[in-house]
PDB file of N, CA and C in Angstrom:
ATOM      1  N   MET A   1      80.689  88.986 100.204  1.00  0.00           N
ATOM      2  CA  MET A   1      81.164  90.145 100.911  1.00  0.00           C
ATOM      3  C   MET A   1      82.664  90.016 101.188  1.00  0.00           C
ATOM      4  N   TYR A   2      83.071  88.813 101.616  1.00  0.00           N
ATOM      5  CA  TYR A   2      84.483  88.554 101.897  1.00  0.00           C
ATOM      6  C   TYR A   2      85.342  88.825 100.661  1.00  0.00           C
ATOM      7  N   GLU A   3      84.889  88.292  99.518  1.00  0.00           N
ATOM      8  CA  GLU A   3      85.652  88.452  98.288  1.00  0.00           C
ATOM      9  C   GLU A   3      85.690  89.910  97.843  1.00  0.00           C
ATOM     10  N   TYR A   4      84.631  90.655  98.080  1.00  0.00           N
ATOM     11  CA  TYR A   4      84.600  92.075  97.721  1.00  0.00           C
ATOM     12  C   TYR A   4      85.693  92.833  98.463  1.00  0.00           C
ATOM     13  N   PHE A   5      85.765  92.653  99.778  1.00  0.00           N
ATOM     14  CA  PHE A   5      86.777  93.355 100.561  1.00  0.00           C
ATOM     15  C   PHE A   5      88.186  92.860 100.252  1.00  0.00           C
ATOM     16  N   LEU A   6      88.322  91.576  99.986  1.00  0.00           N
ATOM     17  CA  LEU A   6      89.627  91.035  99.615  1.00  0.00           C
ATOM     18  C   LEU A   6      90.102  91.648  98.305  1.00  0.00           C
ATOM     19  N   ASN A   7      89.191  91.780  97.352  1.00  0.00           N
ATOM     20  CA  ASN A   7      89.511  92.391  96.066  1.00  0.00           C
ATOM     21  C   ASN A   7      89.923  93.846  96.250  1.00  0.00           C
ATOM     22  N   LYS A   8      89.197  94.584  97.073  1.00  0.00           N
ATOM     23  CA  LYS A   8      89.538  95.991  97.342  1.00  0.00           C
ATOM     24  C   LYS A   8      90.910  96.090  98.003  1.00  0.00           C
ATOM     25  N   PHE A   9      91.181  95.203  98.937  1.00  0.00           N
ATOM     26  CA  PHE A   9      92.478  95.184  99.610  1.00  0.00           C
ATOM     27  C   PHE A   9      93.592  94.900  98.602  1.00  0.00           C
ATOM     28  N   ALA A  10      93.359  93.947  97.708  1.00  0.00           N
ATOM     29  CA  ALA A  10      94.362  93.591  96.707  1.00  0.00           C
ATOM     30  C   ALA A  10      94.625  94.748  95.759  1.00  0.00           C
ATOM     31  N   GLN A  11      93.589  95.472  95.383  1.00  0.00           N
ATOM     32  CA  GLN A  11      93.766  96.626  94.505  1.00  0.00           C
ATOM     33  C   GLN A  11      94.622  97.689  95.187  1.00  0.00           C
ATOM     34  N   THR A  12      94.390  97.905  96.459  1.00  0.00           N
ATOM     35  CA  THR A  12      95.164  98.885  97.214  1.00  0.00           C
ATOM     36  C   THR A  12      96.622  98.444  97.317  1.00  0.00           C
ATOM     37  N   CYS A  13      96.834  97.171  97.620  1.00  0.00           N
ATOM     38  CA  CYS A  13      98.195  96.648  97.757  1.00  0.00           C
ATOM     39  C   CYS A  13      98.940  96.662  96.432  1.00  0.00           C
ATOM     40  N   SER A  14      98.231  96.382  95.339  1.00  0.00           N
ATOM     41  CA  SER A  14      98.910  96.333  94.048  1.00  0.00           C
ATOM     42  C   SER A  14      99.430  97.710  93.655  1.00  0.00           C
ATOM     43  N   GLN A  15      98.764  98.744  94.105  1.00  0.00           N
ATOM     44  CA  GLN A  15      99.230 100.099  93.826  1.00  0.00           C
ATOM     45  C   GLN A  15     100.497 100.403  94.611  1.00  0.00           C
ATOM     46  N   GLU A  16     100.688  99.679  95.702  1.00  0.00           N
ATOM     47  CA  GLU A  16     101.852  99.888  96.554  1.00  0.00           C
ATOM     48  C   GLU A  16     102.910  98.809  96.338  1.00  0.00           C
ATOM     49  N   GLY A  17     102.763  97.990  95.281  1.00  0.00           N
ATOM     50  CA  GLY A  17     103.725  96.920  95.028  1.00  0.00           C
ATOM     51  C   GLY A  17     103.531  95.729  95.937  1.00  0.00           C
ATOM     52  N   GLY A  18     102.271  95.408  96.285  1.00  0.00           N
ATOM     53  CA  GLY A  18     101.972  94.318  97.221  1.00  0.00           C
ATOM     54  C   GLY A  18     101.941  92.961  96.569  1.00  0.00           C
ATOM     55  N   ASP A  19     101.291  92.035  97.234  1.00  0.00           N
ATOM     56  CA  ASP A  19     101.227  90.640  96.800  1.00  0.00           C
ATOM     57  C   ASP A  19     100.298  90.472  95.611  1.00  0.00           C
ATOM     58  N   PHE A  20     100.483  89.364  94.914  1.00  0.00           N
ATOM     59  CA  PHE A  20      99.639  89.010  93.781  1.00  0.00           C
ATOM     60  C   PHE A  20      98.300  88.488  94.282  1.00  0.00           C
ATOM     61  N   PHE A  21      97.238  88.790  93.564  1.00  0.00           N
ATOM     62  CA  PHE A  21      95.891  88.360  93.933  1.00  0.00           C
ATOM     63  C   PHE A  21      95.191  87.831  92.689  1.00  0.00           C
ATOM     64  N   THR A  22      94.680  86.613  92.745  1.00  0.00           N
ATOM     65  CA  THR A  22      93.932  86.035  91.633  1.00  0.00           C
ATOM     66  C   THR A  22      92.463  86.393  91.801  1.00  0.00           C
ATOM     67  N   PRO A  23      91.862  87.051  90.816  1.00  0.00           N
ATOM     68  CA  PRO A  23      90.450  87.452  90.918  1.00  0.00           C
ATOM     69  C   PRO A  23      89.538  86.236  91.100  1.00  0.00           C
ATOM     70  N   PRO A  24      88.487  86.381  91.890  1.00  0.00           N
ATOM     71  CA  PRO A  24      87.547  85.268  92.129  1.00  0.00           C
ATOM     72  C   PRO A  24      86.968  84.691  90.842  1.00  0.00           C
ATOM     73  N   SER A  25      86.743  85.519  89.834  1.00  0.00           N
ATOM     74  CA  SER A  25      86.181  85.014  88.578  1.00  0.00           C
ATOM     75  C   SER A  25      87.127  84.013  87.914  1.00  0.00           C
ATOM     76  N   LEU A  26      88.425  84.250  87.984  1.00  0.00           N
ATOM     77  CA  LEU A  26      89.398  83.324  87.424  1.00  0.00           C
ATOM     78  C   LEU A  26      89.466  82.028  88.241  1.00  0.00           C
ATOM     79  N   VAL A  27      89.403  82.155  89.557  1.00  0.00           N
ATOM     80  CA  VAL A  27      89.427  80.966  90.416  1.00  0.00           C
ATOM     81  C   VAL A  27      88.182  80.116  90.160  1.00  0.00           C
ATOM     82  N   ARG A  28      87.003  80.759  90.016  1.00  0.00           N
ATOM     83  CA  ARG A  28      85.768  80.022  89.704  1.00  0.00           C
ATOM     84  C   ARG A  28      85.911  79.274  88.380  1.00  0.00           C
ATOM     85  N   PHE A  29      86.548  79.915  87.396  1.00  0.00           N
ATOM     86  CA  PHE A  29      86.769  79.289  86.093  1.00  0.00           C
ATOM     87  C   PHE A  29      87.650  78.049  86.231  1.00  0.00           C
ATOM     88  N   ILE A  30      88.741  78.167  86.974  1.00  0.00           N
ATOM     89  CA  ILE A  30      89.665  77.040  87.178  1.00  0.00           C
ATOM     90  C   ILE A  30      88.951  75.891  87.895  1.00  0.00           C
ATOM     91  N   VAL A  31      88.213  76.217  88.957  1.00  0.00           N
ATOM     92  CA  VAL A  31      87.482  75.185  89.706  1.00  0.00           C
ATOM     93  C   VAL A  31      86.422  74.542  88.815  1.00  0.00           C
ATOM     94  N   GLY A  32      85.783  75.335  87.964  1.00  0.00           N
ATOM     95  CA  GLY A  32      84.781  74.799  87.049  1.00  0.00           C
ATOM     96  C   GLY A  32      85.352  73.808  86.055  1.00  0.00           C
ATOM     97  N   ILE A  33      86.591  74.036  85.634  1.00  0.00           N
ATOM     98  CA  ILE A  33      87.243  73.109  84.707  1.00  0.00           C
ATOM     99  C   ILE A  33      87.702  71.847  85.438  1.00  0.00           C
ATOM    100  N   LEU A  34      88.337  72.022  86.582  1.00  0.00           N
ATOM    101  CA  LEU A  34      88.872  70.882  87.332  1.00  0.00           C
ATOM    102  C   LEU A  34      87.792  70.065  88.021  1.00  0.00           C
ATOM    103  N   GLU A  35      86.713  70.715  88.442  1.00  0.00           N
ATOM    104  CA  GLU A  35      85.611  70.087  89.175  1.00  0.00           C
ATOM    105  C   GLU A  35      86.077  69.190  90.314  1.00  0.00           C
ATOM    106  N   PRO A  36      86.866  69.723  91.248  1.00  0.00           N
ATOM    107  CA  PRO A  36      87.286  68.903  92.393  1.00  0.00           C
ATOM    108  C   PRO A  36      86.097  68.684  93.328  1.00  0.00           C
ATOM    109  N   ASP A  37      85.592  67.465  93.402  1.00  0.00           N
ATOM    110  CA  ASP A  37      84.395  67.226  94.212  1.00  0.00           C
ATOM    111  C   ASP A  37      84.588  66.196  95.314  1.00  0.00           C
ATOM    112  N   ARG A  38      85.783  65.612  95.413  1.00  0.00           N
ATOM    113  CA  ARG A  38      86.062  64.673  96.498  1.00  0.00           C
ATOM    114  C   ARG A  38      87.570  64.434  96.556  1.00  0.00           C
ATOM    115  N   GLY A  39      88.004  63.836  97.646  1.00  0.00           N
ATOM    116  CA  GLY A  39      89.424  63.540  97.801  1.00  0.00           C
ATOM    117  C   GLY A  39      90.170  64.689  98.464  1.00  0.00           C
ATOM    118  N   THR A  40      91.422  64.845  98.088  1.00  0.00           N
ATOM    119  CA  THR A  40      92.271  65.870  98.672  1.00  0.00           C
ATOM    120  C   THR A  40      92.392  67.049  97.721  1.00  0.00           C
ATOM    121  N   VAL A  41      92.155  68.241  98.250  1.00  0.00           N
ATOM    122  CA  VAL A  41      92.324  69.470  97.485  1.00  0.00           C
ATOM    123  C   VAL A  41      93.524  70.189  98.081  1.00  0.00           C
ATOM    124  N   PHE A  42      94.542  70.418  97.270  1.00  0.00           N
ATOM    125  CA  PHE A  42      95.749  71.095  97.726  1.00  0.00           C
ATOM    126  C   PHE A  42      95.949  72.362  96.915  1.00  0.00           C
ATOM    127  N   ASP A  43      96.128  73.469  97.603  1.00  0.00           N
ATOM    128  CA  ASP A  43      96.403  74.750  96.959  1.00  0.00           C
ATOM    129  C   ASP A  43      97.762  75.225  97.454  1.00  0.00           C
ATOM    130  N   PRO A  44      98.807  75.163  96.608  1.00  0.00           N
ATOM    131  CA  PRO A  44     100.148  75.507  97.052  1.00  0.00           C
ATOM    132  C   PRO A  44     100.367  76.998  97.273  1.00  0.00           C
ATOM    133  N   ALA A  45      99.410  77.809  96.913  1.00  0.00           N
ATOM    134  CA  ALA A  45      99.536  79.255  97.125  1.00  0.00           C
ATOM    135  C   ALA A  45      98.194  79.788  97.614  1.00  0.00           C
ATOM    136  N   CYS A  46      97.726  79.256  98.739  1.00  0.00           N
ATOM    137  CA  CYS A  46      96.348  79.513  99.153  1.00  0.00           C
ATOM    138  C   CYS A  46      96.078  80.932  99.649  1.00  0.00           C
ATOM    139  N   GLY A  47      97.072  81.672 100.069  1.00  0.00           N
ATOM    140  CA  GLY A  47      96.902  83.070 100.458  1.00  0.00           C
ATOM    141  C   GLY A  47      95.547  83.409 101.046  1.00  0.00           C
ATOM    142  N   SER A  48      94.582  83.707 100.192  1.00  0.00           N
ATOM    143  CA  SER A  48      93.245  84.100 100.641  1.00  0.00           C
ATOM    144  C   SER A  48      92.301  82.913 100.749  1.00  0.00           C
ATOM    145  N   GLY A  49      92.723  81.756 100.273  1.00  0.00           N
ATOM    146  CA  GLY A  49      91.867  80.573 100.332  1.00  0.00           C
ATOM    147  C   GLY A  49      90.815  80.530  99.254  1.00  0.00           C
ATOM    148  N   GLY A  50      90.961  81.307  98.197  1.00  0.00           N
ATOM    149  CA  GLY A  50      89.963  81.381  97.129  1.00  0.00           C
ATOM    150  C   GLY A  50      89.636  80.055  96.492  1.00  0.00           C
ATOM    151  N   MET A  51      90.656  79.232  96.245  1.00  0.00           N
ATOM    152  CA  MET A  51      90.422  77.920  95.641  1.00  0.00           C
ATOM    153  C   MET A  51      89.584  77.049  96.575  1.00  0.00           C
ATOM    154  N   PHE A  52      89.841  77.133  97.866  1.00  0.00           N
ATOM    155  CA  PHE A  52      89.069  76.353  98.840  1.00  0.00           C
ATOM    156  C   PHE A  52      87.618  76.828  98.894  1.00  0.00           C
ATOM    157  N   ILE A  53      87.432  78.120  98.882  1.00  0.00           N
ATOM    158  CA  ILE A  53      86.084  78.687  98.944  1.00  0.00           C
ATOM    159  C   ILE A  53      85.282  78.274  97.717  1.00  0.00           C
ATOM    160  N   GLN A  54      85.867  78.422  96.529  1.00  0.00           N
ATOM    161  CA  GLN A  54      85.155  78.083  95.301  1.00  0.00           C
ATOM    162  C   GLN A  54      84.900  76.577  95.187  1.00  0.00           C
ATOM    163  N   THR A  55      85.845  75.757  95.651  1.00  0.00           N
ATOM    164  CA  THR A  55      85.630  74.306  95.659  1.00  0.00           C
ATOM    165  C   THR A  55      84.484  73.952  96.599  1.00  0.00           C
ATOM    166  N   GLY A  56      84.446  74.608  97.760  1.00  0.00           N
ATOM    167  CA  GLY A  56      83.351  74.386  98.697  1.00  0.00           C
ATOM    168  C   GLY A  56      82.007  74.734  98.093  1.00  0.00           C
ATOM    169  N   HIS A  57      81.940  75.863  97.377  1.00  0.00           N
ATOM    170  CA  HIS A  57      80.696  76.254  96.708  1.00  0.00           C
ATOM    171  C   HIS A  57      80.291  75.220  95.666  1.00  0.00           C
ATOM    172  N   LEU A  58      81.260  74.729  94.903  1.00  0.00           N
ATOM    173  CA  LEU A  58      80.967  73.733  93.872  1.00  0.00           C
ATOM    174  C   LEU A  58      80.398  72.458  94.489  1.00  0.00           C
ATOM    175  N   ILE A  59      81.014  71.999  95.562  1.00  0.00           N
ATOM    176  CA  ILE A  59      80.543  70.778  96.228  1.00  0.00           C
ATOM    177  C   ILE A  59      79.137  70.978  96.781  1.00  0.00           C
ATOM    178  N   GLU A  60      78.887  72.130  97.383  1.00  0.00           N
ATOM    179  CA  GLU A  60      77.557  72.390  97.937  1.00  0.00           C
ATOM    180  C   GLU A  60      76.496  72.466  96.842  1.00  0.00           C
ATOM    181  N   LEU A  61      76.818  73.134  95.723  1.00  0.00           N
ATOM    182  CA  LEU A  61      75.831  73.322  94.662  1.00  0.00           C
ATOM    183  C   LEU A  61      75.610  72.074  93.813  1.00  0.00           C
ATOM    184  N   GLN A  62      76.698  71.402  93.415  1.00  0.00           N
ATOM    185  CA  GLN A  62      76.552  70.269  92.502  1.00  0.00           C
ATOM    186  C   GLN A  62      76.341  68.939  93.203  1.00  0.00           C
ATOM    187  N   ARG A  63      76.906  68.766  94.367  1.00  0.00           N
ATOM    188  CA  ARG A  63      76.820  67.472  95.057  1.00  0.00           C
ATOM    189  C   ARG A  63      75.865  67.508  96.248  1.00  0.00           C
ATOM    190  N   HIS A  64      75.358  68.693  96.573  1.00  0.00           N
ATOM    191  CA  HIS A  64      74.433  68.856  97.699  1.00  0.00           C
ATOM    192  C   HIS A  64      74.991  68.223  98.972  1.00  0.00           C
ATOM    193  N   ALA A  65      76.263  68.499  99.218  1.00  0.00           N
ATOM    194  CA  ALA A  65      76.942  67.944 100.390  1.00  0.00           C
ATOM    195  C   ALA A  65      77.778  69.030 101.053  1.00  0.00           C
ATOM    196  N   LYS A  66      78.194  68.760 102.257  1.00  0.00           N
ATOM    197  CA  LYS A  66      79.096  69.660 102.967  1.00  0.00           C
ATOM    198  C   LYS A  66      80.519  69.367 102.491  1.00  0.00           C
ATOM    199  N   PRO A  67      81.307  70.404 102.203  1.00  0.00           N
ATOM    200  CA  PRO A  67      82.664  70.188 101.690  1.00  0.00           C
ATOM    201  C   PRO A  67      83.525  69.280 102.567  1.00  0.00           C
ATOM    202  N   HIS A  68      83.419  69.420 103.888  1.00  0.00           N
ATOM    203  CA  HIS A  68      84.258  68.591 104.764  1.00  0.00           C
ATOM    204  C   HIS A  68      83.856  67.121 104.739  1.00  0.00           C
ATOM    205  N   GLN A  69      82.677  66.805 104.212  1.00  0.00           N
ATOM    206  CA  GLN A  69      82.255  65.412 104.090  1.00  0.00           C
ATOM    207  C   GLN A  69      82.778  64.767 102.813  1.00  0.00           C
ATOM    208  N   ARG A  70      83.161  65.590 101.838  1.00  0.00           N
ATOM    209  CA  ARG A  70      83.603  65.070 100.536  1.00  0.00           C
ATOM    210  C   ARG A  70      85.107  65.100 100.347  1.00  0.00           C
ATOM    211  N   GLY A  71      85.809  65.900 101.179  1.00  0.00           N
ATOM    212  CA  GLY A  71      87.239  65.986 100.929  1.00  0.00           C
ATOM    213  C   GLY A  71      88.019  66.581 102.086  1.00  0.00           C
ATOM    214  N   VAL A  72      89.319  66.615 101.857  1.00  0.00           N
ATOM    215  CA  VAL A  72      90.268  67.186 102.815  1.00  0.00           C
ATOM    216  C   VAL A  72      90.967  68.332 102.102  1.00  0.00           C
ATOM    217  N   PHE A  73      91.094  69.460 102.765  1.00  0.00           N
ATOM    218  CA  PHE A  73      91.676  70.644 102.165  1.00  0.00           C
ATOM    219  C   PHE A  73      93.015  70.953 102.831  1.00  0.00           C
ATOM    220  N   HIS A  74      94.051  71.098 101.984  1.00  0.00           N
ATOM    221  CA  HIS A  74      95.387  71.434 102.463  1.00  0.00           C
ATOM    222  C   HIS A  74      95.891  72.646 101.681  1.00  0.00           C
ATOM    223  N   GLY A  75      96.581  73.528 102.368  1.00  0.00           N
ATOM    224  CA  GLY A  75      97.128  74.690 101.689  1.00  0.00           C
ATOM    225  C   GLY A  75      98.444  75.131 102.281  1.00  0.00           C
ATOM    226  N   GLN A  76      99.092  75.991 101.549  1.00  0.00           N
ATOM    227  CA  GLN A  76     100.393  76.499 101.967  1.00  0.00           C
ATOM    228  C   GLN A  76     100.485  77.938 101.487  1.00  0.00           C
ATOM    229  N   GLU A  77     100.991  78.794 102.306  1.00  0.00           N
ATOM    230  CA  GLU A  77     101.132  80.208 101.947  1.00  0.00           C
ATOM    231  C   GLU A  77     102.422  80.428 101.221  1.00  0.00           C
TER     232      GLU A  77
END
């Protein structure tokens, strides 16, 4: 639900010359290739936190663990 509204907001902003938004499907693809499952996850352009959300989903689904137990998340806007 969060990603749906974020996507709608990004579409509206892009029509007005707003900020760049990476679609969730692309972020899922990147996370699927990198498979960050432990350690430090750093997103230098976290804006909406999509990379963190998708990494959390990956850790929960593949490692059956809570994301905060497997890593530390850092971001910068």
